[in-house]
Structure formats: C-alpha cells, structure tokens
C-alpha cells in the first residue's frame, strides 16, 4: 500500500502541469542574463527571444500620470542600436519567485545607456519582470525599471 501511494505521489508531481521545478529559478536567471546580454551586444533579436509578442513595459520617459505600457518594438530598438545607442547593463541582487508557469524576477540593474544625441542615463534602477514559460522558454510579459533614489527623501 505504501509503495502504491509513493508511486502515485511521484506520478502526480511528474505529470502535473504548471508545477515549478528546482531548476525553474535558475532557468529564469539564465534567461534574464541572456536577455540583458542582448542589450549590451546591441542585438534586439536576442532581446525579442525573451519577450512575449504583446509584452509591455513602463518607460522611464513617460509624462504625467499616463501609465500606458507600450508593446515591445524590436525593429525600433534595433534601429536605435544601429544608430549609436549603447547599453551597458548588469543585474545584481537577483531574486526569482516561481508560480507554476509564471515567475516574478526582481533585481537592481546597474550600468548606463547613452544615445547619439548625447543623452546619458546612469543606473542603478529597480527592475521587475513578470515572466511566462512558453514552450520551455521564460519570456517577459511585462517589465518595469525605475531609478533607485539614494539621497534624501524626495530626491
């Protein structure tokens, strides 16, 4: 009887969809590190591999209280990169919480980005991504980066 219960328990664990495995956290981190390497290498196609087609993000340049999140634009990003936009990013203090086929990734994003017009933005930023596992690949459904303020309150 105990053997039958043990076999049944193992079968449930192996064949239940959406259960997180011990490797899922490592897989999310590996996907996010490969994703960020796309930014650093100027490769929008690599970035797109880790984005759902309708993935959204809150942009840092948004005006007012408009929280509209625009879909990922691979062609536009590649045009910017080809035109001289440079990115030098790294994640530190990465944390992953997995909920079946969904995960939340949080980290501090360090580095900088520069543009041909001379505009430069320096980190660190708080970074959060909501990921969905599709066909064995963790892809971002939504991401948000906001500057990490280290000065007095209100700065």
Protein backbone atom coordinates (compact mmCIF):
# COMPACT_ATOMS: atom_id res chain seq x y z
CA UNK A 1 0.00 0.00 0.00
CA UNK A 2 2.80 2.44 0.90
CA UNK A 3 4.53 1.66 -2.41
CA UNK A 4 1.33 2.42 -4.33
CA UNK A 5 0.92 5.77 -2.54
CA UNK A 6 4.57 6.67 -3.22
CA UNK A 7 4.21 5.81 -6.92
CA UNK A 8 1.00 7.82 -7.14
CA UNK A 9 2.61 10.83 -5.42
CA UNK A 10 5.60 10.75 -7.80
CA UNK A 11 3.27 10.46 -10.81
CA UNK A 12 1.26 13.46 -9.67
CA UNK A 13 4.43 15.53 -9.24
CA UNK A 14 5.87 14.50 -12.59
CA UNK A 15 2.76 14.95 -14.67
CA UNK A 16 1.03 17.94 -13.05
CA UNK A 17 1.22 20.93 -15.39
CA UNK A 18 2.40 24.21 -14.01
CA UNK A 19 4.38 22.90 -11.07
CA UNK A 20 7.68 24.70 -10.58
CA UNK A 21 10.84 22.64 -10.64
CA UNK A 22 14.01 23.36 -8.71
CA UNK A 23 15.64 24.37 -12.00
CA UNK A 24 12.97 26.96 -12.84
CA UNK A 25 14.61 29.68 -10.75
CA UNK A 26 17.97 29.00 -12.38
CA UNK A 27 16.30 28.95 -15.82
CA UNK A 28 14.66 32.34 -15.17
CA UNK A 29 18.01 33.82 -14.12
CA UNK A 30 19.75 32.33 -17.16
CA UNK A 31 17.06 33.76 -19.45
CA UNK A 32 17.34 37.20 -17.85
CA UNK A 33 21.14 37.19 -18.14
CA UNK A 34 20.93 36.21 -21.81
CA UNK A 35 18.26 38.88 -22.30
CA UNK A 36 20.45 41.61 -20.79
CA UNK A 37 23.40 40.47 -22.91
CA UNK A 38 21.27 41.33 -25.94
CA UNK A 39 21.13 44.92 -24.72
CA UNK A 40 24.87 45.01 -24.13
CA UNK A 41 25.62 43.42 -27.53
CA UNK A 42 23.20 45.65 -29.48
CA UNK A 43 21.12 42.63 -30.52
CA UNK A 44 17.37 43.35 -30.46
CA UNK A 45 16.62 39.88 -31.90
CA UNK A 46 18.18 38.26 -28.83
CA UNK A 47 16.13 40.55 -26.59
CA UNK A 48 12.99 39.61 -28.52
CA UNK A 49 13.59 35.89 -27.84
CA UNK A 50 12.76 36.61 -24.21
CA UNK A 51 9.73 38.83 -24.81
CA UNK A 52 6.16 37.73 -25.48
CA UNK A 53 4.80 39.29 -28.69
CA UNK A 54 2.47 41.54 -26.70
CA UNK A 55 4.93 42.23 -23.87
CA UNK A 56 4.67 45.66 -22.31
CA UNK A 57 6.84 47.94 -20.21
CA UNK A 58 6.56 51.21 -18.39
CA UNK A 59 9.01 53.62 -19.97
CA UNK A 60 11.16 55.93 -17.90
CA UNK A 61 10.38 58.84 -20.20
CA UNK A 62 6.63 58.75 -19.63
CA UNK A 63 4.95 62.07 -19.00
CA UNK A 64 2.49 62.89 -16.26
CA UNK A 65 0.40 60.11 -14.78
CA UNK A 66 -0.10 58.21 -18.03
CA UNK A 67 0.69 54.58 -17.17
CA UNK A 68 0.14 53.23 -20.68
CA UNK A 69 2.64 50.47 -21.36
CA UNK A 70 3.65 50.16 -25.00
CA UNK A 71 4.36 46.76 -26.60
CA UNK A 72 7.97 45.76 -27.27
CA UNK A 73 9.19 47.18 -30.61
CA UNK A 74 12.08 45.04 -31.87
CA UNK A 75 12.60 46.95 -35.14
CA UNK A 76 12.57 50.33 -33.41
CA UNK A 77 15.04 49.15 -30.77
CA UNK A 78 17.39 47.69 -33.40
CA UNK A 79 17.24 50.96 -35.37
CA UNK A 80 18.22 52.86 -32.21
CA UNK A 81 21.06 50.43 -31.52
CA UNK A 82 22.30 50.58 -35.11
CA UNK A 83 22.11 54.38 -34.90
CA UNK A 84 24.53 54.51 -31.98
CA UNK A 85 22.52 53.83 -28.82
CA UNK A 86 24.73 51.92 -26.38
CA UNK A 87 23.74 49.92 -23.34
CA UNK A 88 25.95 48.63 -20.55
CA UNK A 89 23.75 46.81 -18.06
CA UNK A 90 24.18 44.21 -15.32
CA UNK A 91 21.85 42.75 -12.70
CA UNK A 92 22.75 42.47 -9.04
CA UNK A 93 20.80 41.05 -6.09
CA UNK A 94 18.60 38.94 -8.36
CA UNK A 95 15.54 37.27 -6.86
CA UNK A 96 13.06 34.92 -8.52
CA UNK A 97 9.68 33.71 -7.32
CA UNK A 98 8.11 30.97 -9.44
CA UNK A 99 4.37 30.26 -9.54
CA UNK A 100 3.92 27.35 -11.94
CA UNK A 101 4.37 28.74 -15.46
CA UNK A 102 4.68 32.32 -14.18
CA UNK A 103 7.57 33.99 -12.39
CA UNK A 104 8.49 37.36 -10.92
CA UNK A 105 12.09 38.49 -11.36
CA UNK A 106 13.45 41.39 -9.33
CA UNK A 107 16.93 42.88 -9.29
CA UNK A 108 18.89 46.07 -9.22
CA UNK A 109 20.01 46.98 -12.72
CA UNK A 110 23.36 48.77 -12.83
CA UNK A 111 25.17 50.46 -15.67
CA UNK A 112 24.29 53.15 -18.15
CA UNK A 113 22.81 53.87 -21.53
CA UNK A 114 23.90 56.53 -23.99
CA UNK A 115 22.39 57.88 -27.17
CA UNK A 116 23.83 59.65 -30.24
CA UNK A 117 22.27 62.97 -29.18
CA UNK A 118 24.49 62.94 -26.08
CA UNK A 119 21.77 61.91 -23.64
CA UNK A 120 23.08 59.54 -20.96
CA UNK A 121 21.15 57.75 -18.24
CA UNK A 122 23.04 56.24 -15.33
CA UNK A 123 21.76 53.49 -13.04
CA UNK A 124 21.07 51.95 -10.70
CA UNK A 125 17.47 51.11 -11.39
CA UNK A 126 14.98 48.83 -9.68
CA UNK A 127 13.97 46.18 -12.22
CA UNK A 128 10.92 43.92 -12.11
CA UNK A 129 9.78 41.48 -14.78
CA UNK A 130 6.77 39.20 -14.94
CA UNK A 131 7.67 36.12 -16.98
CA UNK A 132 5.59 33.33 -18.50
CA UNK A 133 7.04 29.96 -19.51
CA UNK A 134 6.17 29.29 -23.18
CA UNK A 135 7.46 26.21 -25.00
CA UNK A 136 10.10 25.75 -22.30
CA UNK A 137 11.41 29.33 -22.53
CA UNK A 138 10.86 32.01 -19.89
CA UNK A 139 9.58 35.15 -21.64
CA UNK A 140 8.74 38.55 -20.25
CA UNK A 141 5.10 39.58 -20.30
CA UNK A 142 5.79 42.89 -18.58
CA UNK A 143 8.82 44.74 -17.28
CA UNK A 144 9.39 47.88 -15.30
CA UNK A 145 12.54 49.79 -14.43
CA UNK A 146 12.63 52.85 -12.21
CA UNK A 147 15.57 54.85 -10.90
CA UNK A 148 16.84 53.89 -7.47
CA UNK A 149 16.94 57.05 -5.39
CA UNK A 150 19.71 57.01 -2.82
CA UNK A 151 19.52 60.58 -1.46
CA UNK A 152 17.25 62.28 0.99
CA UNK A 153 13.51 61.55 0.80
CA UNK A 154 12.01 63.35 -2.17
CA UNK A 155 15.21 63.30 -4.22
